[in-house]
Amino acid sequence: MKAVMVMFDSLNRHMLPPYGGPEWVHAPNFARLAARTVTYDTCYAGSMPCMPARRELHTGRHNFLHRGWGPLEPFDDSMPELLKQNGVHTHLVSDHQHYWEDGGAT
């Protein structure tokens, strides 16, 4: 099984072809990816903004009401780590590499 998760902080999904984006938006890779995969129309993050939402996606727990902006904690169950323990390789590509360094998310 292959899983690809794409997250953007500041891209409105209605600008992409799979979600009815305007004709002038040229995004053939997104269109091809959507044609070959499952596209979710009603998936919402419970915590906002950036780091709380990412931590929620990593741990599977809503946490913004009782935890503020911050990195994964040592006691957090990380989804990539759980996948690794079950033989699934994961990879992260980010334009915010400092988020993943110790102390970089604060």
N, C-alpha and C. Protein backbone atom coordinates (compact mmCIF):
# COMPACT_ATOMS: atom_id res chain seq x y z
N MET A 1 0.83 -1.17 0.00
CA MET A 1 0.00 0.00 0.00
C MET A 1 0.88 1.24 0.00
N LYS A 2 0.48 2.23 -0.75
CA LYS A 2 1.19 3.50 -0.78
C LYS A 2 0.24 4.59 -0.30
N ALA A 3 0.76 5.49 0.49
CA ALA A 3 -0.02 6.62 0.97
C ALA A 3 0.78 7.89 0.77
N VAL A 4 0.14 8.88 0.20
CA VAL A 4 0.76 10.18 0.00
C VAL A 4 -0.16 11.21 0.65
N MET A 5 0.41 11.99 1.54
CA MET A 5 -0.37 13.05 2.17
C MET A 5 0.26 14.37 1.80
N VAL A 6 -0.54 15.25 1.23
CA VAL A 6 -0.05 16.55 0.80
C VAL A 6 -0.73 17.62 1.66
N MET A 7 0.07 18.44 2.33
CA MET A 7 -0.47 19.52 3.16
C MET A 7 0.10 20.85 2.69
N PHE A 8 -0.76 21.83 2.61
CA PHE A 8 -0.35 23.20 2.29
C PHE A 8 -0.95 24.14 3.32
N ASP A 9 -0.18 25.09 3.78
CA ASP A 9 -0.69 26.05 4.75
C ASP A 9 -1.51 27.15 4.09
N SER A 10 -1.14 27.54 2.90
CA SER A 10 -1.78 28.72 2.33
C SER A 10 -2.21 28.51 0.87
N LEU A 11 -2.73 27.35 0.58
CA LEU A 11 -3.24 27.08 -0.77
C LEU A 11 -4.70 26.68 -0.64
N ASN A 12 -5.56 27.44 -1.27
CA ASN A 12 -6.98 27.12 -1.25
C ASN A 12 -7.23 25.96 -2.20
N ARG A 13 -7.85 24.90 -1.70
CA ARG A 13 -8.06 23.70 -2.53
C ARG A 13 -8.91 23.99 -3.76
N HIS A 14 -9.75 25.01 -3.70
CA HIS A 14 -10.60 25.34 -4.85
C HIS A 14 -9.80 25.90 -6.03
N MET A 15 -8.51 26.10 -5.82
CA MET A 15 -7.64 26.53 -6.92
C MET A 15 -7.07 25.34 -7.69
N LEU A 16 -7.27 24.12 -7.19
CA LEU A 16 -6.71 22.93 -7.84
C LEU A 16 -7.73 22.24 -8.72
N PRO A 17 -7.31 21.69 -9.85
CA PRO A 17 -8.23 21.02 -10.77
C PRO A 17 -9.11 19.94 -10.15
N PRO A 18 -8.60 19.09 -9.25
CA PRO A 18 -9.48 18.05 -8.70
C PRO A 18 -10.68 18.60 -7.91
N TYR A 19 -10.57 19.84 -7.48
CA TYR A 19 -11.65 20.44 -6.70
C TYR A 19 -12.38 21.54 -7.47
N GLY A 20 -12.31 21.49 -8.79
CA GLY A 20 -13.04 22.46 -9.61
C GLY A 20 -12.34 23.79 -9.77
N GLY A 21 -11.02 23.78 -9.75
CA GLY A 21 -10.25 25.02 -9.88
C GLY A 21 -10.47 25.71 -11.21
N PRO A 22 -10.12 26.98 -11.30
CA PRO A 22 -10.31 27.73 -12.54
C PRO A 22 -9.47 27.18 -13.69
N GLU A 23 -9.94 27.40 -14.88
CA GLU A 23 -9.26 26.85 -16.07
C GLU A 23 -7.84 27.40 -16.24
N TRP A 24 -7.59 28.60 -15.76
CA TRP A 24 -6.27 29.19 -15.95
C TRP A 24 -5.21 28.62 -15.01
N VAL A 25 -5.62 27.81 -14.04
CA VAL A 25 -4.64 27.16 -13.15
C VAL A 25 -4.13 25.91 -13.86
N HIS A 26 -2.83 25.86 -14.08
CA HIS A 26 -2.21 24.73 -14.76
C HIS A 26 -1.53 23.86 -13.69
N ALA A 27 -2.17 22.74 -13.33
CA ALA A 27 -1.63 21.85 -12.30
C ALA A 27 -1.84 20.40 -12.72
N PRO A 28 -1.18 19.97 -13.80
CA PRO A 28 -1.41 18.62 -14.32
C PRO A 28 -1.01 17.51 -13.34
N ASN A 29 -0.01 17.74 -12.51
CA ASN A 29 0.39 16.70 -11.56
C ASN A 29 -0.67 16.46 -10.50
N PHE A 30 -1.32 17.52 -10.04
CA PHE A 30 -2.41 17.34 -9.09
C PHE A 30 -3.58 16.61 -9.74
N ALA A 31 -3.88 16.95 -10.97
CA ALA A 31 -4.98 16.29 -11.69
C ALA A 31 -4.67 14.80 -11.87
N ARG A 32 -3.43 14.49 -12.24
CA ARG A 32 -3.03 13.09 -12.44
C ARG A 32 -3.05 12.33 -11.11
N LEU A 33 -2.56 12.95 -10.04
CA LEU A 33 -2.58 12.31 -8.73
C LEU A 33 -4.02 12.02 -8.29
N ALA A 34 -4.91 12.98 -8.47
CA ALA A 34 -6.31 12.80 -8.08
C ALA A 34 -7.00 11.71 -8.89
N ALA A 35 -6.64 11.59 -10.16
CA ALA A 35 -7.25 10.58 -11.02
C ALA A 35 -6.85 9.16 -10.60
N ARG A 36 -5.70 9.02 -9.96
CA ARG A 36 -5.18 7.70 -9.58
C ARG A 36 -5.36 7.37 -8.10
N THR A 37 -5.98 8.24 -7.35
CA THR A 37 -6.06 8.05 -5.90
C THR A 37 -7.45 8.36 -5.38
N VAL A 38 -7.58 8.27 -4.09
CA VAL A 38 -8.81 8.70 -3.41
C VAL A 38 -8.63 10.16 -3.04
N THR A 39 -9.60 10.98 -3.36
CA THR A 39 -9.58 12.39 -3.02
C THR A 39 -10.63 12.65 -1.97
N TYR A 40 -10.23 13.20 -0.85
CA TYR A 40 -11.16 13.48 0.24
C TYR A 40 -11.73 14.89 0.11
N ASP A 41 -13.03 14.99 0.21
CA ASP A 41 -13.69 16.29 0.10
C ASP A 41 -14.06 16.88 1.45
N THR A 42 -14.12 16.06 2.49
CA THR A 42 -14.52 16.55 3.81
C THR A 42 -13.56 16.04 4.88
N CYS A 43 -12.35 16.53 4.83
CA CYS A 43 -11.34 16.19 5.83
C CYS A 43 -10.90 17.49 6.48
N TYR A 44 -11.04 17.58 7.79
CA TYR A 44 -10.76 18.83 8.48
C TYR A 44 -9.77 18.61 9.61
N ALA A 45 -8.90 19.58 9.81
CA ALA A 45 -8.02 19.58 10.97
C ALA A 45 -8.76 20.25 12.11
N GLY A 46 -8.64 19.71 13.29
CA GLY A 46 -9.31 20.29 14.44
C GLY A 46 -8.51 21.38 15.10
N SER A 47 -7.22 21.41 14.86
CA SER A 47 -6.34 22.40 15.50
C SER A 47 -5.73 23.29 14.43
N MET A 48 -5.67 24.52 14.71
CA MET A 48 -5.04 25.47 13.81
C MET A 48 -4.18 26.38 14.66
N PRO A 49 -3.19 27.05 14.17
CA PRO A 49 -2.68 27.06 12.80
C PRO A 49 -1.64 25.97 12.57
N CYS A 50 -0.60 26.29 11.87
CA CYS A 50 0.36 25.33 11.31
C CYS A 50 0.83 24.20 12.24
N MET A 51 1.64 24.51 13.24
CA MET A 51 2.23 23.45 14.06
C MET A 51 1.20 22.67 14.86
N PRO A 52 0.19 23.30 15.48
CA PRO A 52 -0.81 22.48 16.16
C PRO A 52 -1.53 21.52 15.21
N ALA A 53 -1.81 21.97 14.00
CA ALA A 53 -2.46 21.09 13.02
C ALA A 53 -1.54 19.94 12.63
N ARG A 54 -0.27 20.23 12.42
CA ARG A 54 0.68 19.17 12.07
C ARG A 54 0.84 18.18 13.21
N ARG A 55 0.93 18.68 14.43
CA ARG A 55 1.05 17.78 15.58
C ARG A 55 -0.19 16.91 15.70
N GLU A 56 -1.35 17.49 15.44
CA GLU A 56 -2.60 16.71 15.48
C GLU A 56 -2.59 15.61 14.42
N LEU A 57 -2.14 15.93 13.23
CA LEU A 57 -2.09 14.92 12.17
C LEU A 57 -1.07 13.83 12.50
N HIS A 58 0.02 14.18 13.15
CA HIS A 58 1.03 13.20 13.54
C HIS A 58 0.55 12.27 14.66
N THR A 59 -0.26 12.80 15.57
CA THR A 59 -0.63 12.03 16.75
C THR A 59 -2.04 11.47 16.71
N GLY A 60 -2.90 12.05 15.85
CA GLY A 60 -4.29 11.59 15.78
C GLY A 60 -5.14 12.09 16.93
N ARG A 61 -4.68 13.14 17.61
CA ARG A 61 -5.41 13.68 18.76
C ARG A 61 -5.64 15.17 18.59
N HIS A 62 -6.86 15.63 18.92
CA HIS A 62 -7.11 17.07 19.00
C HIS A 62 -6.37 17.58 20.22
N ASN A 63 -5.66 18.70 20.07
CA ASN A 63 -4.86 19.14 21.20
C ASN A 63 -4.75 20.64 21.37
N PHE A 64 -5.28 21.43 20.47
CA PHE A 64 -5.02 22.86 20.53
C PHE A 64 -5.71 23.55 21.71
N LEU A 65 -6.78 22.99 22.22
CA LEU A 65 -7.45 23.64 23.34
C LEU A 65 -6.66 23.52 24.64
N HIS A 66 -5.84 22.51 24.76
CA HIS A 66 -5.07 22.35 25.99
C HIS A 66 -3.56 22.41 25.79
N ARG A 67 -3.12 22.51 24.53
CA ARG A 67 -1.69 22.65 24.24
C ARG A 67 -1.53 23.73 23.18
N GLY A 68 -0.60 24.59 23.39
CA GLY A 68 -0.38 25.67 22.44
C GLY A 68 0.55 25.28 21.31
N TRP A 69 1.14 26.27 20.71
CA TRP A 69 2.05 26.12 19.59
C TRP A 69 3.31 25.42 20.08
N GLY A 70 3.65 24.30 19.49
CA GLY A 70 4.87 23.62 19.91
C GLY A 70 5.09 22.33 19.15
N PRO A 71 6.26 21.76 19.31
CA PRO A 71 6.64 20.55 18.58
C PRO A 71 6.01 19.30 19.17
N LEU A 72 6.26 18.17 18.52
CA LEU A 72 5.89 16.89 19.10
C LEU A 72 6.66 16.72 20.40
N GLU A 73 6.00 16.15 21.37
CA GLU A 73 6.64 15.91 22.67
C GLU A 73 7.11 14.45 22.72
N PRO A 74 8.04 14.12 23.60
CA PRO A 74 8.52 12.73 23.69
C PRO A 74 7.42 11.71 23.97
N PHE A 75 6.35 12.13 24.62
CA PHE A 75 5.26 11.20 24.94
C PHE A 75 4.21 11.10 23.83
N ASP A 76 4.33 11.90 22.77
CA ASP A 76 3.37 11.84 21.67
C ASP A 76 3.59 10.57 20.84
N ASP A 77 2.50 9.92 20.46
CA ASP A 77 2.56 8.81 19.51
C ASP A 77 2.57 9.40 18.11
N SER A 78 3.67 9.25 17.41
CA SER A 78 3.81 9.82 16.08
C SER A 78 3.39 8.81 15.02
N MET A 79 2.49 9.22 14.16
CA MET A 79 2.00 8.33 13.10
C MET A 79 3.14 7.79 12.23
N PRO A 80 4.11 8.61 11.80
CA PRO A 80 5.22 8.03 11.02
C PRO A 80 6.01 6.98 11.80
N GLU A 81 6.18 7.19 13.10
CA GLU A 81 6.90 6.20 13.92
C GLU A 81 6.11 4.91 14.03
N LEU A 82 4.80 5.01 14.23
CA LEU A 82 3.96 3.81 14.29
C LEU A 82 3.97 3.05 12.98
N LEU A 83 3.96 3.79 11.86
CA LEU A 83 4.05 3.13 10.55
C LEU A 83 5.39 2.42 10.39
N LYS A 84 6.47 3.09 10.82
CA LYS A 84 7.81 2.49 10.74
C LYS A 84 7.88 1.18 11.51
N GLN A 85 7.29 1.17 12.70
CA GLN A 85 7.28 -0.04 13.53
C GLN A 85 6.52 -1.18 12.86
N ASN A 86 5.67 -0.84 11.89
CA ASN A 86 4.91 -1.85 11.17
C ASN A 86 5.39 -2.05 9.75
N GLY A 87 6.64 -1.66 9.49
CA GLY A 87 7.28 -1.94 8.20
C GLY A 87 6.93 -0.99 7.07
N VAL A 88 6.38 0.17 7.37
CA VAL A 88 6.03 1.14 6.32
C VAL A 88 7.04 2.27 6.35
N HIS A 89 7.65 2.55 5.20
CA HIS A 89 8.62 3.63 5.08
C HIS A 89 7.88 4.94 4.87
N THR A 90 8.25 5.97 5.60
CA THR A 90 7.66 7.29 5.42
C THR A 90 8.76 8.28 5.08
N HIS A 91 8.36 9.38 4.48
CA HIS A 91 9.31 10.41 4.09
C HIS A 91 8.62 11.75 4.21
N LEU A 92 9.32 12.75 4.67
CA LEU A 92 8.78 14.09 4.83
C LEU A 92 9.52 15.04 3.90
N VAL A 93 8.78 15.84 3.18
CA VAL A 93 9.34 16.92 2.38
C VAL A 93 8.68 18.19 2.88
N SER A 94 9.48 19.17 3.24
CA SER A 94 8.93 20.40 3.81
C SER A 94 9.76 21.59 3.39
N ASP A 95 9.10 22.74 3.27
CA ASP A 95 9.84 23.98 3.05
C ASP A 95 10.08 24.70 4.37
N HIS A 96 9.75 24.03 5.48
CA HIS A 96 9.94 24.57 6.82
C HIS A 96 10.80 23.59 7.63
N GLN A 97 12.02 23.36 7.21
CA GLN A 97 12.86 22.36 7.85
C GLN A 97 13.11 22.67 9.32
N HIS A 98 13.05 23.93 9.72
CA HIS A 98 13.32 24.26 11.12
C HIS A 98 12.25 23.71 12.05
N TYR A 99 11.05 23.41 11.54
CA TYR A 99 10.01 22.83 12.39
C TYR A 99 10.42 21.48 12.95
N TRP A 100 11.27 20.76 12.23
CA TRP A 100 11.59 19.38 12.58
C TRP A 100 12.90 19.27 13.34
N GLU A 101 13.51 20.40 13.65
CA GLU A 101 14.73 20.41 14.45
C GLU A 101 14.34 20.59 15.92
N ASP A 102 15.15 20.07 16.83
CA ASP A 102 14.89 20.24 18.25
C ASP A 102 14.81 21.73 18.59
N GLY A 103 13.69 22.14 19.19
CA GLY A 103 13.51 23.52 19.59
C GLY A 103 13.12 24.46 18.47
N GLY A 104 12.97 23.96 17.26
CA GLY A 104 12.71 24.83 16.12
C GLY A 104 11.27 25.26 15.94
N ALA A 105 10.35 24.63 16.63
CA ALA A 105 8.93 24.93 16.41
C ALA A 105 8.40 26.00 17.34
N THR A 106 9.24 26.54 18.18
CA THR A 106 8.77 27.56 19.10
C THR A 106 9.28 28.90 18.65
